Amino acid sequence: MYIHVNGKNLEITDAIKAYVKEKLSKVANHYDQITGMDVILSVIKNPAASGKHIAEVSCKMNTGVVRCEESADSMYESIDLLADKLDRQVKKFKNKSLYSDKTTIRNTEIPENEVEEAETVES
């Protein structure tokens, strides 16, 4: 699994890159079908904007892609929020993929010979 970290209006230091890889590698432990993650860290330089530090991730899996975005006042806080959100979404994606093959009451058909006619009660 690979983790690519890119920056917009921000120089990516080794400390930030290590922090991102540490946080997002924990997500990969939940689901072994993850092939890679592309992380984009950006800063809005407008002084009037709130939540200036934005972290985005595209988590590529064998069966699909999960994308998340979070913003906060500091870059480390936005990375923490992003990791938590991605963790929840990957778990949800995993449960959907595991239980999509199971038959439920809604998608099973009852053979016609087992269907009983409803009895009508006469008063």
PDB file of N, CA and C in Angstrom:
ATOM      1  N   MET A   1       0.841  -1.170   0.000  1.00  0.00           N
ATOM      2  CA  MET A   1       0.000   0.000   0.000  1.00  0.00           C
ATOM      3  C   MET A   1       0.893   1.243   0.000  1.00  0.00           C
ATOM      4  N   TYR A   2       0.504   2.210  -0.776  1.00  0.00           N
ATOM      5  CA  TYR A   2       1.266   3.447  -0.840  1.00  0.00           C
ATOM      6  C   TYR A   2       0.445   4.591  -0.276  1.00  0.00           C
ATOM      7  N   ILE A   3       1.145   5.598   0.254  1.00  0.00           N
ATOM      8  CA  ILE A   3       0.517   6.834   0.720  1.00  0.00           C
ATOM      9  C   ILE A   3       1.304   7.984   0.115  1.00  0.00           C
ATOM     10  N   HIS A   4       0.683   8.715  -0.811  1.00  0.00           N
ATOM     11  CA  HIS A   4       1.294   9.887  -1.428  1.00  0.00           C
ATOM     12  C   HIS A   4       0.759  11.132  -0.733  1.00  0.00           C
ATOM     13  N   VAL A   5       1.660  12.013  -0.323  1.00  0.00           N
ATOM     14  CA  VAL A   5       1.274  13.254   0.354  1.00  0.00           C
ATOM     15  C   VAL A   5       1.709  14.424  -0.520  1.00  0.00           C
ATOM     16  N   ASN A   6       0.762  15.251  -0.922  1.00  0.00           N
ATOM     17  CA  ASN A   6       1.020  16.443  -1.735  1.00  0.00           C
ATOM     18  C   ASN A   6       0.520  17.671  -0.996  1.00  0.00           C
ATOM     19  N   GLY A   7       1.043  18.834  -1.358  1.00  0.00           N
ATOM     20  CA  GLY A   7       0.635  20.060  -0.708  1.00  0.00           C
ATOM     21  C   GLY A   7       0.276  21.151  -1.700  1.00  0.00           C
ATOM     22  N   LYS A   8      -0.704  21.967  -1.324  1.00  0.00           N
ATOM     23  CA  LYS A   8      -1.088  23.161  -2.092  1.00  0.00           C
ATOM     24  C   LYS A   8      -0.905  24.353  -1.168  1.00  0.00           C
ATOM     25  N   ASN A   9      -0.135  25.343  -1.600  1.00  0.00           N
ATOM     26  CA  ASN A   9       0.180  26.522  -0.797  1.00  0.00           C
ATOM     27  C   ASN A   9       0.835  26.142   0.533  1.00  0.00           C
ATOM     28  N   LEU A  10       1.553  25.019   0.530  1.00  0.00           N
ATOM     29  CA  LEU A  10       2.146  24.510   1.755  1.00  0.00           C
ATOM     30  C   LEU A  10       3.358  23.662   1.402  1.00  0.00           C
ATOM     31  N   GLU A  11       4.422  23.825   2.143  1.00  0.00           N
ATOM     32  CA  GLU A  11       5.588  22.969   1.958  1.00  0.00           C
ATOM     33  C   GLU A  11       5.446  21.771   2.893  1.00  0.00           C
ATOM     34  N   ILE A  12       5.494  20.585   2.323  1.00  0.00           N
ATOM     35  CA  ILE A  12       5.326  19.364   3.099  1.00  0.00           C
ATOM     36  C   ILE A  12       6.660  19.024   3.762  1.00  0.00           C
ATOM     37  N   THR A  13       6.696  19.073   5.076  1.00  0.00           N
ATOM     38  CA  THR A  13       7.905  18.722   5.815  1.00  0.00           C
ATOM     39  C   THR A  13       7.898  17.233   6.125  1.00  0.00           C
ATOM     40  N   ASP A  14       9.041  16.745   6.545  1.00  0.00           N
ATOM     41  CA  ASP A  14       9.134  15.329   6.899  1.00  0.00           C
ATOM     42  C   ASP A  14       8.262  14.995   8.106  1.00  0.00           C
ATOM     43  N   ALA A  15       8.122  15.946   9.034  1.00  0.00           N
ATOM     44  CA  ALA A  15       7.301  15.716  10.219  1.00  0.00           C
ATOM     45  C   ALA A  15       5.826  15.559   9.843  1.00  0.00           C
ATOM     46  N   ILE A  16       5.334  16.419   8.959  1.00  0.00           N
ATOM     47  CA  ILE A  16       3.929  16.319   8.536  1.00  0.00           C
ATOM     48  C   ILE A  16       3.704  15.031   7.755  1.00  0.00           C
ATOM     49  N   LYS A  17       4.640  14.683   6.880  1.00  0.00           N
ATOM     50  CA  LYS A  17       4.510  13.458   6.095  1.00  0.00           C
ATOM     51  C   LYS A  17       4.500  12.227   7.001  1.00  0.00           C
ATOM     52  N   ALA A  18       5.368  12.193   8.002  1.00  0.00           N
ATOM     53  CA  ALA A  18       5.406  11.069   8.931  1.00  0.00           C
ATOM     54  C   ALA A  18       4.120  10.989   9.750  1.00  0.00           C
ATOM     55  N   TYR A  19       3.594  12.146  10.142  1.00  0.00           N
ATOM     56  CA  TYR A  19       2.358  12.183  10.917  1.00  0.00           C
ATOM     57  C   TYR A  19       1.182  11.656  10.095  1.00  0.00           C
ATOM     58  N   VAL A  20       1.097  12.060   8.840  1.00  0.00           N
ATOM     59  CA  VAL A  20       0.023  11.583   7.961  1.00  0.00           C
ATOM     60  C   VAL A  20       0.130  10.078   7.774  1.00  0.00           C
ATOM     61  N   LYS A  21       1.321   9.589   7.514  1.00  0.00           N
ATOM     62  CA  LYS A  21       1.497   8.148   7.291  1.00  0.00           C
ATOM     63  C   LYS A  21       1.194   7.352   8.551  1.00  0.00           C
ATOM     64  N   GLU A  22       1.551   7.889   9.709  1.00  0.00           N
ATOM     65  CA  GLU A  22       1.253   7.207  10.969  1.00  0.00           C
ATOM     66  C   GLU A  22      -0.252   7.100  11.193  1.00  0.00           C
ATOM     67  N   LYS A  23      -0.967   8.209  10.997  1.00  0.00           N
ATOM     68  CA  LYS A  23      -2.415   8.230  11.235  1.00  0.00           C
ATOM     69  C   LYS A  23      -3.186   7.371  10.229  1.00  0.00           C
ATOM     70  N   LEU A  24      -2.820   7.467   8.953  1.00  0.00           N
ATOM     71  CA  LEU A  24      -3.587   6.763   7.924  1.00  0.00           C
ATOM     72  C   LEU A  24      -3.210   5.291   7.805  1.00  0.00           C
ATOM     73  N   SER A  25      -2.049   4.903   8.273  1.00  0.00           N
ATOM     74  CA  SER A  25      -1.695   3.482   8.231  1.00  0.00           C
ATOM     75  C   SER A  25      -2.529   2.689   9.227  1.00  0.00           C
ATOM     76  N   LYS A  26      -3.038   3.352  10.269  1.00  0.00           N
ATOM     77  CA  LYS A  26      -3.936   2.675  11.209  1.00  0.00           C
ATOM     78  C   LYS A  26      -5.246   2.298  10.534  1.00  0.00           C
ATOM     79  N   VAL A  27      -5.681   3.110   9.577  1.00  0.00           N
ATOM     80  CA  VAL A  27      -6.912   2.820   8.840  1.00  0.00           C
ATOM     81  C   VAL A  27      -6.720   1.570   7.983  1.00  0.00           C
ATOM     82  N   ALA A  28      -5.524   1.405   7.433  1.00  0.00           N
ATOM     83  CA  ALA A  28      -5.258   0.265   6.562  1.00  0.00           C
ATOM     84  C   ALA A  28      -5.292  -1.054   7.316  1.00  0.00           C
ATOM     85  N   ASN A  29      -5.137  -1.025   8.625  1.00  0.00           N
ATOM     86  CA  ASN A  29      -5.194  -2.257   9.414  1.00  0.00           C
ATOM     87  C   ASN A  29      -6.608  -2.819   9.482  1.00  0.00           C
ATOM     88  N   HIS A  30      -7.622  -1.992   9.267  1.00  0.00           N
ATOM     89  CA  HIS A  30      -9.005  -2.453   9.352  1.00  0.00           C
ATOM     90  C   HIS A  30      -9.447  -3.211   8.104  1.00  0.00           C
ATOM     91  N   TYR A  31      -8.866  -2.891   6.968  1.00  0.00           N
ATOM     92  CA  TYR A  31      -9.338  -3.470   5.707  1.00  0.00           C
ATOM     93  C   TYR A  31      -8.142  -3.749   4.818  1.00  0.00           C
ATOM     94  N   ASP A  32      -7.950  -5.003   4.452  1.00  0.00           N
ATOM     95  CA  ASP A  32      -6.753  -5.392   3.702  1.00  0.00           C
ATOM     96  C   ASP A  32      -6.868  -5.167   2.193  1.00  0.00           C
ATOM     97  N   GLN A  33      -8.002  -4.683   1.712  1.00  0.00           N
ATOM     98  CA  GLN A  33      -8.194  -4.451   0.282  1.00  0.00           C
ATOM     99  C   GLN A  33      -7.753  -3.066  -0.169  1.00  0.00           C
ATOM    100  N   ILE A  34      -7.192  -2.252   0.730  1.00  0.00           N
ATOM    101  CA  ILE A  34      -6.749  -0.903   0.387  1.00  0.00           C
ATOM    102  C   ILE A  34      -5.451  -1.004  -0.403  1.00  0.00           C
ATOM    103  N   THR A  35      -5.437  -0.401  -1.586  1.00  0.00           N
ATOM    104  CA  THR A  35      -4.238  -0.438  -2.427  1.00  0.00           C
ATOM    105  C   THR A  35      -3.399   0.815  -2.302  1.00  0.00           C
ATOM    106  N   GLY A  36      -4.011   1.956  -1.978  1.00  0.00           N
ATOM    107  CA  GLY A  36      -3.238   3.180  -1.843  1.00  0.00           C
ATOM    108  C   GLY A  36      -4.089   4.347  -1.413  1.00  0.00           C
ATOM    109  N   MET A  37      -3.391   5.404  -0.971  1.00  0.00           N
ATOM    110  CA  MET A  37      -4.066   6.626  -0.550  1.00  0.00           C
ATOM    111  C   MET A  37      -3.328   7.826  -1.125  1.00  0.00           C
ATOM    112  N   ASP A  38      -4.085   8.766  -1.656  1.00  0.00           N
ATOM    113  CA  ASP A  38      -3.545  10.026  -2.138  1.00  0.00           C
ATOM    114  C   ASP A  38      -4.044  11.127  -1.213  1.00  0.00           C
ATOM    115  N   VAL A  39      -3.114  11.796  -0.534  1.00  0.00           N
ATOM    116  CA  VAL A  39      -3.457  12.826   0.448  1.00  0.00           C
ATOM    117  C   VAL A  39      -3.038  14.185  -0.110  1.00  0.00           C
ATOM    118  N   ILE A  40      -3.941  15.162  -0.025  1.00  0.00           N
ATOM    119  CA  ILE A  40      -3.644  16.531  -0.438  1.00  0.00           C
ATOM    120  C   ILE A  40      -3.879  17.436   0.763  1.00  0.00           C
ATOM    121  N   LEU A  41      -2.829  18.127   1.184  1.00  0.00           N
ATOM    122  CA  LEU A  41      -2.907  19.073   2.279  1.00  0.00           C
ATOM    123  C   LEU A  41      -2.825  20.476   1.686  1.00  0.00           C
ATOM    124  N   SER A  42      -3.746  21.358   2.056  1.00  0.00           N
ATOM    125  CA  SER A  42      -3.742  22.704   1.487  1.00  0.00           C
ATOM    126  C   SER A  42      -4.052  23.739   2.555  1.00  0.00           C
ATOM    127  N   VAL A  43      -3.637  24.964   2.271  1.00  0.00           N
ATOM    128  CA  VAL A  43      -3.848  26.081   3.179  1.00  0.00           C
ATOM    129  C   VAL A  43      -4.508  27.202   2.393  1.00  0.00           C
ATOM    130  N   ILE A  44      -5.570  27.779   2.961  1.00  0.00           N
ATOM    131  CA  ILE A  44      -6.223  28.940   2.368  1.00  0.00           C
ATOM    132  C   ILE A  44      -5.579  30.177   2.990  1.00  0.00           C
ATOM    133  N   LYS A  45      -5.066  31.047   2.151  1.00  0.00           N
ATOM    134  CA  LYS A  45      -4.333  32.206   2.654  1.00  0.00           C
ATOM    135  C   LYS A  45      -5.196  33.442   2.858  1.00  0.00           C
ATOM    136  N   ASN A  46      -6.491  33.321   2.714  1.00  0.00           N
ATOM    137  CA  ASN A  46      -7.415  34.430   2.944  1.00  0.00           C
ATOM    138  C   ASN A  46      -7.585  34.614   4.455  1.00  0.00           C
ATOM    139  N   PRO A  47      -7.279  35.783   5.010  1.00  0.00           N
ATOM    140  CA  PRO A  47      -7.389  35.960   6.458  1.00  0.00           C
ATOM    141  C   PRO A  47      -8.824  35.919   6.984  1.00  0.00           C
ATOM    142  N   ALA A  48      -9.801  36.127   6.132  1.00  0.00           N
ATOM    143  CA  ALA A  48     -11.200  36.117   6.570  1.00  0.00           C
ATOM    144  C   ALA A  48     -11.788  34.710   6.605  1.00  0.00           C
ATOM    145  N   ALA A  49     -11.108  33.725   6.037  1.00  0.00           N
ATOM    146  CA  ALA A  49     -11.644  32.365   5.961  1.00  0.00           C
ATOM    147  C   ALA A  49     -11.440  31.638   7.285  1.00  0.00           C
ATOM    148  N   SER A  50     -12.418  30.824   7.639  1.00  0.00           N
ATOM    149  CA  SER A  50     -12.272  29.982   8.823  1.00  0.00           C
ATOM    150  C   SER A  50     -11.983  28.563   8.357  1.00  0.00           C
ATOM    151  N   GLY A  51     -11.298  27.787   9.167  1.00  0.00           N
ATOM    152  CA  GLY A  51     -10.911  26.440   8.763  1.00  0.00           C
ATOM    153  C   GLY A  51      -9.923  26.485   7.624  1.00  0.00           C
ATOM    154  N   LYS A  52      -8.816  27.151   7.846  1.00  0.00           N
ATOM    155  CA  LYS A  52      -7.882  27.441   6.766  1.00  0.00           C
ATOM    156  C   LYS A  52      -7.062  26.237   6.313  1.00  0.00           C
ATOM    157  N   HIS A  53      -6.909  25.263   7.161  1.00  0.00           N
ATOM    158  CA  HIS A  53      -6.086  24.097   6.830  1.00  0.00           C
ATOM    159  C   HIS A  53      -7.002  22.950   6.412  1.00  0.00           C
ATOM    160  N   ILE A  54      -6.826  22.487   5.183  1.00  0.00           N
ATOM    161  CA  ILE A  54      -7.709  21.477   4.607  1.00  0.00           C
ATOM    162  C   ILE A  54      -6.896  20.224   4.303  1.00  0.00           C
ATOM    163  N   ALA A  55      -7.445  19.073   4.683  1.00  0.00           N
ATOM    164  CA  ALA A  55      -6.825  17.781   4.387  1.00  0.00           C
ATOM    165  C   ALA A  55      -7.838  16.945   3.610  1.00  0.00           C
ATOM    166  N   GLU A  56      -7.411  16.392   2.478  1.00  0.00           N
ATOM    167  CA  GLU A  56      -8.265  15.552   1.636  1.00  0.00           C
ATOM    168  C   GLU A  56      -7.561  14.229   1.406  1.00  0.00           C
ATOM    169  N   VAL A  57      -8.321  13.165   1.273  1.00  0.00           N
ATOM    170  CA  VAL A  57      -7.736  11.863   0.966  1.00  0.00           C
ATOM    171  C   VAL A  57      -8.653  11.112   0.009  1.00  0.00           C
ATOM    172  N   SER A  58      -8.028  10.398  -0.924  1.00  0.00           N
ATOM    173  CA  SER A  58      -8.732   9.450  -1.790  1.00  0.00           C
ATOM    174  C   SER A  58      -8.148   8.088  -1.496  1.00  0.00           C
ATOM    175  N   CYS A  59      -8.948   7.236  -0.906  1.00  0.00           N
ATOM    176  CA  CYS A  59      -8.507   5.905  -0.500  1.00  0.00           C
ATOM    177  C   CYS A  59      -8.951   4.913  -1.575  1.00  0.00           C
ATOM    178  N   LYS A  60      -7.987   4.358  -2.287  1.00  0.00           N
ATOM    179  CA  LYS A  60      -8.289   3.439  -3.381  1.00  0.00           C
ATOM    180  C   LYS A  60      -8.285   2.001  -2.868  1.00  0.00           C
ATOM    181  N   MET A  61      -9.355   1.282  -3.227  1.00  0.00           N
ATOM    182  CA  MET A  61      -9.496  -0.119  -2.843  1.00  0.00           C
ATOM    183  C   MET A  61      -9.724  -0.949  -4.091  1.00  0.00           C
ATOM    184  N   ASN A  62      -9.704  -2.256  -3.923  1.00  0.00           N
ATOM    185  CA  ASN A  62      -9.916  -3.135  -5.070  1.00  0.00           C
ATOM    186  C   ASN A  62     -11.309  -2.973  -5.659  1.00  0.00           C
ATOM    187  N   THR A  63     -12.280  -2.631  -4.828  1.00  0.00           N
ATOM    188  CA  THR A  63     -13.664  -2.578  -5.294  1.00  0.00           C
ATOM    189  C   THR A  63     -14.235  -1.174  -5.378  1.00  0.00           C
ATOM    190  N   GLY A  64     -13.467  -0.147  -5.061  1.00  0.00           N
ATOM    191  CA  GLY A  64     -14.005   1.207  -5.124  1.00  0.00           C
ATOM    192  C   GLY A  64     -13.061   2.229  -4.527  1.00  0.00           C
ATOM    193  N   VAL A  65     -13.577   3.431  -4.363  1.00  0.00           N
ATOM    194  CA  VAL A  65     -12.796   4.547  -3.829  1.00  0.00           C
ATOM    195  C   VAL A  65     -13.616   5.235  -2.748  1.00  0.00           C
ATOM    196  N   VAL A  66     -12.956   5.582  -1.642  1.00  0.00           N
ATOM    197  CA  VAL A  66     -13.577   6.355  -0.574  1.00  0.00           C
ATOM    198  C   VAL A  66     -12.832   7.680  -0.500  1.00  0.00           C
ATOM    199  N   ARG A  67     -13.570   8.788  -0.526  1.00  0.00           N
ATOM    200  CA  ARG A  67     -12.956  10.110  -0.509  1.00  0.00           C
ATOM    201  C   ARG A  67     -13.471  10.894   0.688  1.00  0.00           C
ATOM    202  N   CYS A  68     -12.556  11.563   1.398  1.00  0.00           N
ATOM    203  CA  CYS A  68     -12.914  12.359   2.572  1.00  0.00           C
ATOM    204  C   CYS A  68     -12.212  13.710   2.510  1.00  0.00           C
ATOM    205  N   GLU A  69     -12.797  14.690   3.176  1.00  0.00           N
ATOM    206  CA  GLU A  69     -12.202  16.016   3.270  1.00  0.00           C
ATOM    207  C   GLU A  69     -12.559  16.612   4.619  1.00  0.00           C
ATOM    208  N   GLU A  70     -11.585  17.219   5.280  1.00  0.00           N
ATOM    209  CA  GLU A  70     -11.798  17.877   6.567  1.00  0.00           C
ATOM    210  C   GLU A  70     -11.015  19.169   6.609  1.00  0.00           C
ATOM    211  N   SER A  71     -11.527  20.141   7.351  1.00  0.00           N
ATOM    212  CA  SER A  71     -10.820  21.411   7.520  1.00  0.00           C
ATOM    213  C   SER A  71     -10.847  21.793   8.991  1.00  0.00           C
ATOM    214  N   ALA A  72      -9.793  22.483   9.422  1.00  0.00           N
ATOM    215  CA  ALA A  72      -9.678  22.912  10.818  1.00  0.00           C
ATOM    216  C   ALA A  72      -8.734  24.111  10.880  1.00  0.00           C
ATOM    217  N   ASP A  73      -8.491  24.587  12.084  1.00  0.00           N
ATOM    218  CA  ASP A  73      -7.625  25.747  12.263  1.00  0.00           C
ATOM    219  C   ASP A  73      -6.141  25.390  12.238  1.00  0.00           C
ATOM    220  N   SER A  74      -5.785  24.134  12.495  1.00  0.00           N
ATOM    221  CA  SER A  74      -4.387  23.710  12.386  1.00  0.00           C
ATOM    222  C   SER A  74      -4.310  22.471  11.508  1.00  0.00           C
ATOM    223  N   MET A  75      -3.158  22.258  10.896  1.00  0.00           N
ATOM    224  CA  MET A  75      -3.004  21.135   9.968  1.00  0.00           C
ATOM    225  C   MET A  75      -3.074  19.796  10.702  1.00  0.00           C
ATOM    226  N   TYR A  76      -2.475  19.717  11.877  1.00  0.00           N
ATOM    227  CA  TYR A  76      -2.497  18.465  12.631  1.00  0.00           C
ATOM    228  C   TYR A  76      -3.916  18.106  13.071  1.00  0.00           C
ATOM    229  N   GLU A  77      -4.693  19.106  13.423  1.00  0.00           N
ATOM    230  CA  GLU A  77      -6.083  18.863  13.802  1.00  0.00           C
ATOM    231  C   GLU A  77      -6.896  18.372  12.608  1.00  0.00           C
ATOM    232  N   SER A  78      -6.676  18.950  11.449  1.00  0.00           N
ATOM    233  CA  SER A  78      -7.412  18.503  10.264  1.00  0.00           C
ATOM    234  C   SER A  78      -7.003  17.090   9.864  1.00  0.00           C
ATOM    235  N   ILE A  79      -5.743  16.724  10.059  1.00  0.00           N
ATOM    236  CA  ILE A  79      -5.293  15.357   9.763  1.00  0.00           C
ATOM    237  C   ILE A  79      -5.944  14.374  10.730  1.00  0.00           C
ATOM    238  N   ASP A  80      -6.048  14.745  12.019  1.00  0.00           N
ATOM    239  CA  ASP A  80      -6.713  13.879  12.995  1.00  0.00           C
ATOM    240  C   ASP A  80      -8.178  13.662  12.640  1.00  0.00           C
ATOM    241  N   LEU A  81      -8.869  14.750  12.308  1.00  0.00           N
ATOM    242  CA  LEU A  81     -10.278  14.639  11.930  1.00  0.00           C
ATOM    243  C   LEU A  81     -10.449  13.800  10.667  1.00  0.00           C
ATOM    244  N   LEU A  82      -9.526  13.967   9.725  1.00  0.00           N
ATOM    245  CA  LEU A  82      -9.576  13.209   8.478  1.00  0.00           C
ATOM    246  C   LEU A  82      -9.379  11.719   8.733  1.00  0.00           C
ATOM    247  N   ALA A  83      -8.434  11.383   9.590  1.00  0.00           N
ATOM    248  CA  ALA A  83      -8.174   9.973   9.886  1.00  0.00           C
ATOM    249  C   ALA A  83      -9.380   9.314  10.553  1.00  0.00           C
ATOM    250  N   ASP A  84     -10.031  10.031  11.469  1.00  0.00           N
ATOM    251  CA  ASP A  84     -11.222   9.490  12.128  1.00  0.00           C
ATOM    252  C   ASP A  84     -12.366   9.286  11.135  1.00  0.00           C
ATOM    253  N   LYS A  85     -12.565  10.270  10.275  1.00  0.00           N
ATOM    254  CA  LYS A  85     -13.646  10.179   9.292  1.00  0.00           C
ATOM    255  C   LYS A  85     -13.383   9.055   8.295  1.00  0.00           C
ATOM    256  N   LEU A  86     -12.147   8.941   7.831  1.00  0.00           N
ATOM    257  CA  LEU A  86     -11.805   7.877   6.885  1.00  0.00           C
ATOM    258  C   LEU A  86     -11.956   6.513   7.533  1.00  0.00           C
ATOM    259  N   ASP A  87     -11.593   6.393   8.791  1.00  0.00           N
ATOM    260  CA  ASP A  87     -11.734   5.129   9.512  1.00  0.00           C
ATOM    261  C   ASP A  87     -13.192   4.691   9.558  1.00  0.00           C
ATOM    262  N   ARG A  88     -14.094   5.626   9.869  1.00  0.00           N
ATOM    263  CA  ARG A  88     -15.521   5.294   9.898  1.00  0.00           C
ATOM    264  C   ARG A  88     -16.030   4.885   8.525  1.00  0.00           C
ATOM    265  N   GLN A  89     -15.606   5.617   7.484  1.00  0.00           N
ATOM    266  CA  GLN A  89     -16.106   5.315   6.142  1.00  0.00           C
ATOM    267  C   GLN A  89     -15.560   3.989   5.614  1.00  0.00           C
ATOM    268  N   VAL A  90     -14.309   3.662   5.936  1.00  0.00           N
ATOM    269  CA  VAL A  90     -13.739   2.385   5.480  1.00  0.00           C
ATOM    270  C   VAL A  90     -14.435   1.224   6.182  1.00  0.00           C
ATOM    271  N   LYS A  91     -14.717   1.367   7.472  1.00  0.00           N
ATOM    272  CA  LYS A  91     -15.453   0.312   8.182  1.00  0.00           C
ATOM    273  C   LYS A  91     -16.839   0.117   7.579  1.00  0.00           C
ATOM    274  N   LYS A  92     -17.508   1.226   7.250  1.00  0.00           N
ATOM    275  CA  LYS A  92     -18.836   1.155   6.634  1.00  0.00           C
ATOM    276  C   LYS A  92     -18.755   0.486   5.260  1.00  0.00           C
ATOM    277  N   PHE A  93     -17.741   0.848   4.474  1.00  0.00           N
ATOM    278  CA  PHE A  93     -17.547   0.261   3.154  1.00  0.00           C
ATOM    279  C   PHE A  93     -17.265  -1.236   3.269  1.00  0.00           C
ATOM    280  N   LYS A  94     -16.462  -1.612   4.259  1.00  0.00           N
ATOM    281  CA  LYS A  94     -16.127  -3.023   4.474  1.00  0.00           C
ATOM    282  C   LYS A  94     -17.375  -3.830   4.831  1.00  0.00           C
ATOM    283  N   ASN A  95     -18.208  -3.296   5.728  1.00  0.00           N
ATOM    284  CA  ASN A  95     -19.428  -3.996   6.107  1.00  0.00           C
ATOM    285  C   ASN A  95     -20.385  -4.138   4.935  1.00  0.00           C
ATOM    286  N   LYS A  96     -20.479  -3.108   4.106  1.00  0.00           N
ATOM    287  CA  LYS A  96     -21.343  -3.200   2.932  1.00  0.00           C
ATOM    288  C   LYS A  96     -20.849  -4.261   1.969  1.00  0.00           C
ATOM    289  N   SER A  97     -19.545  -4.318   1.753  1.00  0.00           N
ATOM    290  CA  SER A  97     -19.015  -5.295   0.808  1.00  0.00           C
ATOM    291  C   SER A  97     -19.088  -6.711   1.357  1.00  0.00           C
ATOM    292  N   LEU A  98     -18.959  -6.887   2.674  1.00  0.00           N
ATOM    293  CA  LEU A  98     -19.037  -8.220   3.257  1.00  0.00           C
ATOM    294  C   LEU A  98     -20.455  -8.775   3.232  1.00  0.00           C
ATOM    295  N   TYR A  99     -21.433  -7.909   3.518  1.00  0.00           N
ATOM    296  CA  TYR A  99     -22.801  -8.377   3.633  1.00  0.00           C
ATOM    297  C   TYR A  99     -23.625  -8.199   2.364  1.00  0.00           C
ATOM    298  N   SER A 100     -23.022  -7.715   1.290  1.00  0.00           N
ATOM    299  CA  SER A 100     -23.782  -7.553   0.058  1.00  0.00           C
ATOM    300  C   SER A 100     -24.054  -8.892  -0.618  1.00  0.00           C
ATOM    301  N   ASP A 101     -23.235  -9.898  -0.351  1.00  0.00           N
ATOM    302  CA  ASP A 101     -23.431 -11.208  -0.953  1.00  0.00           C
ATOM    303  C   ASP A 101     -24.414 -12.077  -0.176  1.00  0.00           C
ATOM    304  N   LYS A 102     -24.727 -11.695   1.021  1.00  0.00           N
ATOM    305  CA  LYS A 102     -25.631 -12.481   1.859  1.00  0.00           C
ATOM    306  C   LYS A 102     -27.067 -12.274   1.387  1.00  0.00           C
ATOM    307  N   THR A 103     -27.860 -13.317   1.506  1.00  0.00           N
ATOM    308  CA  THR A 103     -29.259 -13.208   1.134  1.00  0.00           C
ATOM    309  C   THR A 103     -30.049 -12.738   2.347  1.00  0.00           C
ATOM    310  N   THR A 104     -30.972 -11.868   2.127  1.00  0.00           N
ATOM    311  CA  THR A 104     -31.826 -11.357   3.185  1.00  0.00           C
ATOM    312  C   THR A 104     -33.268 -11.637   2.811  1.00  0.00           C
ATOM    313  N   ILE A 105     -34.154 -11.266   3.678  1.00  0.00           N
ATOM    314  CA  ILE A 105     -35.577 -11.488   3.435  1.00  0.00           C
ATOM    315  C   ILE A 105     -36.026 -10.698   2.211  1.00  0.00           C
ATOM    316  N   ARG A 106     -35.474  -9.538   2.021  1.00  0.00           N
ATOM    317  CA  ARG A 106     -35.915  -8.677   0.923  1.00  0.00           C
ATOM    318  C   ARG A 106     -35.501  -9.194  -0.448  1.00  0.00           C
ATOM    319  N   ASN A 107     -34.373  -9.896  -0.536  1.00  0.00           N
ATOM    320  CA  ASN A 107     -33.938 -10.318  -1.859  1.00  0.00           C
ATOM    321  C   ASN A 107     -34.050 -11.826  -2.083  1.00  0.00           C
ATOM    322  N   THR A 108     -34.789 -12.543  -1.242  1.00  0.00           N
ATOM    323  CA  THR A 108     -35.017 -13.962  -1.475  1.00  0.00           C
ATOM    324  C   THR A 108     -36.419 -14.153  -2.034  1.00  0.00           C
ATOM    325  N   GLU A 109     -36.556 -15.158  -2.855  1.00  0.00           N
ATOM    326  CA  GLU A 109     -37.858 -15.462  -3.429  1.00  0.00           C
ATOM    327  C   GLU A 109     -38.398 -16.727  -2.783  1.00  0.00           C
ATOM    328  N   ILE A 110     -39.660 -16.713  -2.490  1.00  0.00           N
ATOM    329  CA  ILE A 110     -40.309 -17.871  -1.884  1.00  0.00           C
ATOM    330  C   ILE A 110     -40.918 -18.708  -3.001  1.00  0.00           C
ATOM    331  N   PRO A 111     -40.626 -20.016  -3.010  1.00  0.00           N
ATOM    332  CA  PRO A 111     -41.241 -20.871  -4.036  1.00  0.00           C
ATOM    333  C   PRO A 111     -42.762 -20.838  -3.924  1.00  0.00           C
ATOM    334  N   GLU A 112     -43.442 -20.992  -5.075  1.00  0.00           N
ATOM    335  CA  GLU A 112     -44.898 -20.868  -5.109  1.00  0.00           C
ATOM    336  C   GLU A 112     -45.604 -21.958  -4.321  1.00  0.00           C
ATOM    337  N   ASN A 113     -44.999 -23.137  -4.222  1.00  0.00           N
ATOM    338  CA  ASN A 113     -45.671 -24.230  -3.504  1.00  0.00           C
ATOM    339  C   ASN A 113     -45.645 -24.006  -1.989  1.00  0.00           C
ATOM    340  N   GLU A 114     -44.791 -23.106  -1.490  1.00  0.00           N
ATOM    341  CA  GLU A 114     -44.739 -22.836  -0.058  1.00  0.00           C
ATOM    342  C   GLU A 114     -45.603 -21.645   0.347  1.00  0.00           C
ATOM    343  N   VAL A 115     -46.119 -20.948  -0.624  1.00  0.00           N
ATOM    344  CA  VAL A 115     -46.954 -19.802  -0.305  1.00  0.00           C
ATOM    345  C   VAL A 115     -48.331 -20.287   0.086  1.00  0.00           C
ATOM    346  N   GLU A 116     -48.752 -19.892   1.276  1.00  0.00           N
ATOM    347  CA  GLU A 116     -50.083 -20.308   1.756  1.00  0.00           C
ATOM    348  C   GLU A 116     -51.078 -19.197   1.484  1.00  0.00           C
ATOM    349  N   GLU A 117     -52.231 -19.599   1.111  1.00  0.00           N
ATOM    350  CA  GLU A 117     -53.292 -18.624   0.872  1.00  0.00           C
ATOM    351  C   GLU A 117     -53.806 -18.116   2.209  1.00  0.00           C
ATOM    352  N   ALA A 118     -54.049 -16.867   2.277  1.00  0.00           N
ATOM    353  CA  ALA A 118     -54.569 -16.261   3.509  1.00  0.00           C
ATOM    354  C   ALA A 118     -56.020 -16.672   3.678  1.00  0.00           C
ATOM    355  N   GLU A 119     -56.325 -17.077   4.897  1.00  0.00           N
ATOM    356  CA  GLU A 119     -57.701 -17.490   5.173  1.00  0.00           C
ATOM    357  C   GLU A 119     -58.538 -16.260   5.499  1.00  0.00           C
ATOM    358  N   THR A 120     -59.699 -16.244   4.980  1.00  0.00           N
ATOM    359  CA  THR A 120     -60.590 -15.130   5.275  1.00  0.00           C
ATOM    360  C   THR A 120     -61.513 -15.534   6.410  1.00  0.00           C
ATOM    361  N   VAL A 121     -61.704 -14.665   7.323  1.00  0.00           N
ATOM    362  CA  VAL A 121     -62.558 -14.930   8.475  1.00  0.00           C
ATOM    363  C   VAL A 121     -63.913 -14.300   8.191  1.00  0.00           C
ATOM    364  N   GLU A 122     -64.931 -15.157   8.255  1.00  0.00           N
ATOM    365  CA  GLU A 122     -66.279 -14.664   8.029  1.00  0.00           C
ATOM    366  C   GLU A 122     -66.946 -14.402   9.364  1.00  0.00           C
ATOM    367  N   SER A 123     -67.659 -13.320   9.467  1.00  0.00           N
ATOM    368  CA  SER A 123     -68.330 -13.027  10.731  1.00  0.00           C
ATOM    369  C   SER A 123     -69.788 -13.325  10.664  1.00  0.00           C
TER     370      SER A 123
END
